[in-house]
Protein backbone atom coordinates (compact mmCIF):
# COMPACT_ATOMS: atom_id res chain seq x y z
CA UNK A 1 0.00 0.00 0.00
CA UNK A 2 2.85 2.36 0.76
CA UNK A 3 4.40 1.76 -2.66
CA UNK A 4 1.05 2.35 -4.36
CA UNK A 5 0.65 5.57 -2.38
CA UNK A 6 4.13 6.72 -3.37
CA UNK A 7 3.51 6.00 -7.06
CA UNK A 8 0.11 7.71 -7.00
CA UNK A 9 1.65 10.63 -5.11
CA UNK A 10 4.43 11.03 -7.68
CA UNK A 11 2.00 10.92 -10.61
CA UNK A 12 -0.35 13.36 -8.89
CA UNK A 13 2.53 15.74 -8.13
CA UNK A 14 3.62 15.58 -11.75
CA UNK A 15 0.12 16.44 -12.98
CA UNK A 16 -0.17 19.28 -10.46
CA UNK A 17 3.06 20.71 -11.87
CA UNK A 18 1.88 20.19 -15.46
CA UNK A 19 -1.41 21.95 -14.68
CA UNK A 20 0.42 24.94 -13.23
CA UNK A 21 2.73 25.07 -16.25
CA UNK A 22 -0.31 24.89 -18.57
CA UNK A 23 -1.93 27.87 -16.84
CA UNK A 24 1.28 29.91 -17.01
CA UNK A 25 1.75 29.00 -20.68
CA UNK A 26 -1.80 30.13 -21.44
CA UNK A 27 -1.18 33.46 -19.70
CA UNK A 28 2.07 34.26 -21.53
CA UNK A 29 0.71 33.07 -24.88
CA UNK A 30 3.66 30.79 -25.63
CA UNK A 31 4.37 29.34 -29.05
CA UNK A 32 2.03 26.35 -29.57
CA UNK A 33 4.64 24.67 -31.79
CA UNK A 34 7.15 24.51 -28.94
CA UNK A 35 7.88 20.89 -28.01
CA UNK A 36 7.49 21.49 -24.25
CA UNK A 37 4.21 23.36 -24.72
CA UNK A 38 2.86 20.56 -26.93
CA UNK A 39 3.89 17.95 -24.34
CA UNK A 40 2.18 19.84 -21.51
CA UNK A 41 -1.00 20.38 -23.53
CA UNK A 42 -1.15 16.80 -24.81
CA UNK A 43 -0.66 15.33 -21.33
CA UNK A 44 -3.25 17.52 -19.58
CA UNK A 45 -5.86 17.90 -22.33
CA UNK A 46 -7.52 14.45 -21.88
CA UNK A 47 -8.31 15.26 -18.24
CA UNK A 48 -9.38 18.81 -19.04
CA UNK A 49 -11.67 17.57 -21.82
CA UNK A 50 -13.52 15.33 -19.37
CA UNK A 51 -13.94 18.20 -16.91
CA UNK A 52 -15.11 20.56 -19.67
CA UNK A 53 -17.71 18.02 -20.75
CA UNK A 54 -19.34 17.99 -17.30
CA UNK A 55 -19.03 21.66 -16.35
CA UNK A 56 -20.99 24.46 -17.96
CA UNK A 57 -19.25 27.47 -19.44
CA UNK A 58 -19.08 29.93 -16.56
CA UNK A 59 -17.98 33.51 -16.90
CA UNK A 60 -17.96 33.72 -20.67
CA UNK A 61 -14.39 33.33 -21.94
CA UNK A 62 -12.81 32.03 -18.74
CA UNK A 63 -11.94 28.33 -18.77
CA UNK A 64 -12.30 27.02 -15.24
CA UNK A 65 -11.28 23.44 -16.06
CA UNK A 66 -7.56 23.87 -15.08
CA UNK A 67 -8.63 25.18 -11.68
CA UNK A 68 -11.05 22.29 -11.21
CA UNK A 69 -8.36 19.80 -12.29
CA UNK A 70 -5.92 21.42 -9.86
CA UNK A 71 -8.41 21.12 -6.99
CA UNK A 72 -9.20 17.51 -7.91
CA UNK A 73 -5.49 16.66 -7.97
CA UNK A 74 -4.98 18.33 -4.60
CA UNK A 75 -7.85 16.27 -3.18
CA UNK A 76 -6.30 13.09 -4.57
CA UNK A 77 -2.89 14.01 -3.21
CA UNK A 78 -3.89 15.09 0.29
CA UNK A 79 -6.70 12.62 0.96
CA UNK A 80 -6.38 9.53 -1.23
CA UNK A 81 -2.58 9.28 -1.30
CA UNK A 82 -2.26 10.17 2.37
CA UNK A 83 -4.91 7.59 3.30
CA UNK A 84 -3.07 4.90 1.31
CA UNK A 85 0.20 5.78 3.02
CA UNK A 86 -1.40 5.77 6.48
CA UNK A 87 -3.16 2.47 5.81
CA UNK A 88 0.07 0.94 4.52
CA UNK A 89 1.93 2.11 7.63
CA UNK A 90 -0.79 0.65 9.81
CA UNK A 91 -0.56 -2.69 7.99
CA UNK A 92 3.22 -2.66 8.31
CA UNK A 93 3.03 -2.00 12.06
CA UNK A 94 0.43 -4.73 12.50
CA UNK A 95 2.62 -7.14 10.55
CA UNK A 96 5.66 -6.27 12.66
CA UNK A 97 3.70 -6.73 15.89
CA UNK A 98 2.43 -10.11 14.68
CA UNK A 99 5.94 -11.22 13.68
CA UNK A 100 7.36 -10.19 17.06
CA UNK A 101 4.62 -12.04 18.90
CA UNK A 102 5.33 -15.20 16.90
CA UNK A 103 9.06 -15.03 17.63
CA UNK A 104 8.92 -14.09 21.33
CA UNK A 105 5.92 -15.68 23.05
CA UNK A 106 6.85 -14.24 26.46
């Protein structure tokens, strides 16, 4: 469970960073042909497309999907990943206590 939490935490952190970079790139109006810009857009766009499908257009020209993706990723990082890590630590401690009881019966 701890390894799964660490992997999910690393992927979530990466997507949080990519979402921030995407927002900054959209503000500075970077060259869309740039390889880094294309990589950021192509890696975040599938998630943003799903969010855009389920959220109405609010505020006219403002796209709120990066903010919603950012909040969703923060929820995953702070609640799901942290819960996996805590549960894994609890299982590890229970396993260690059981192993010690089997070795030393006194």
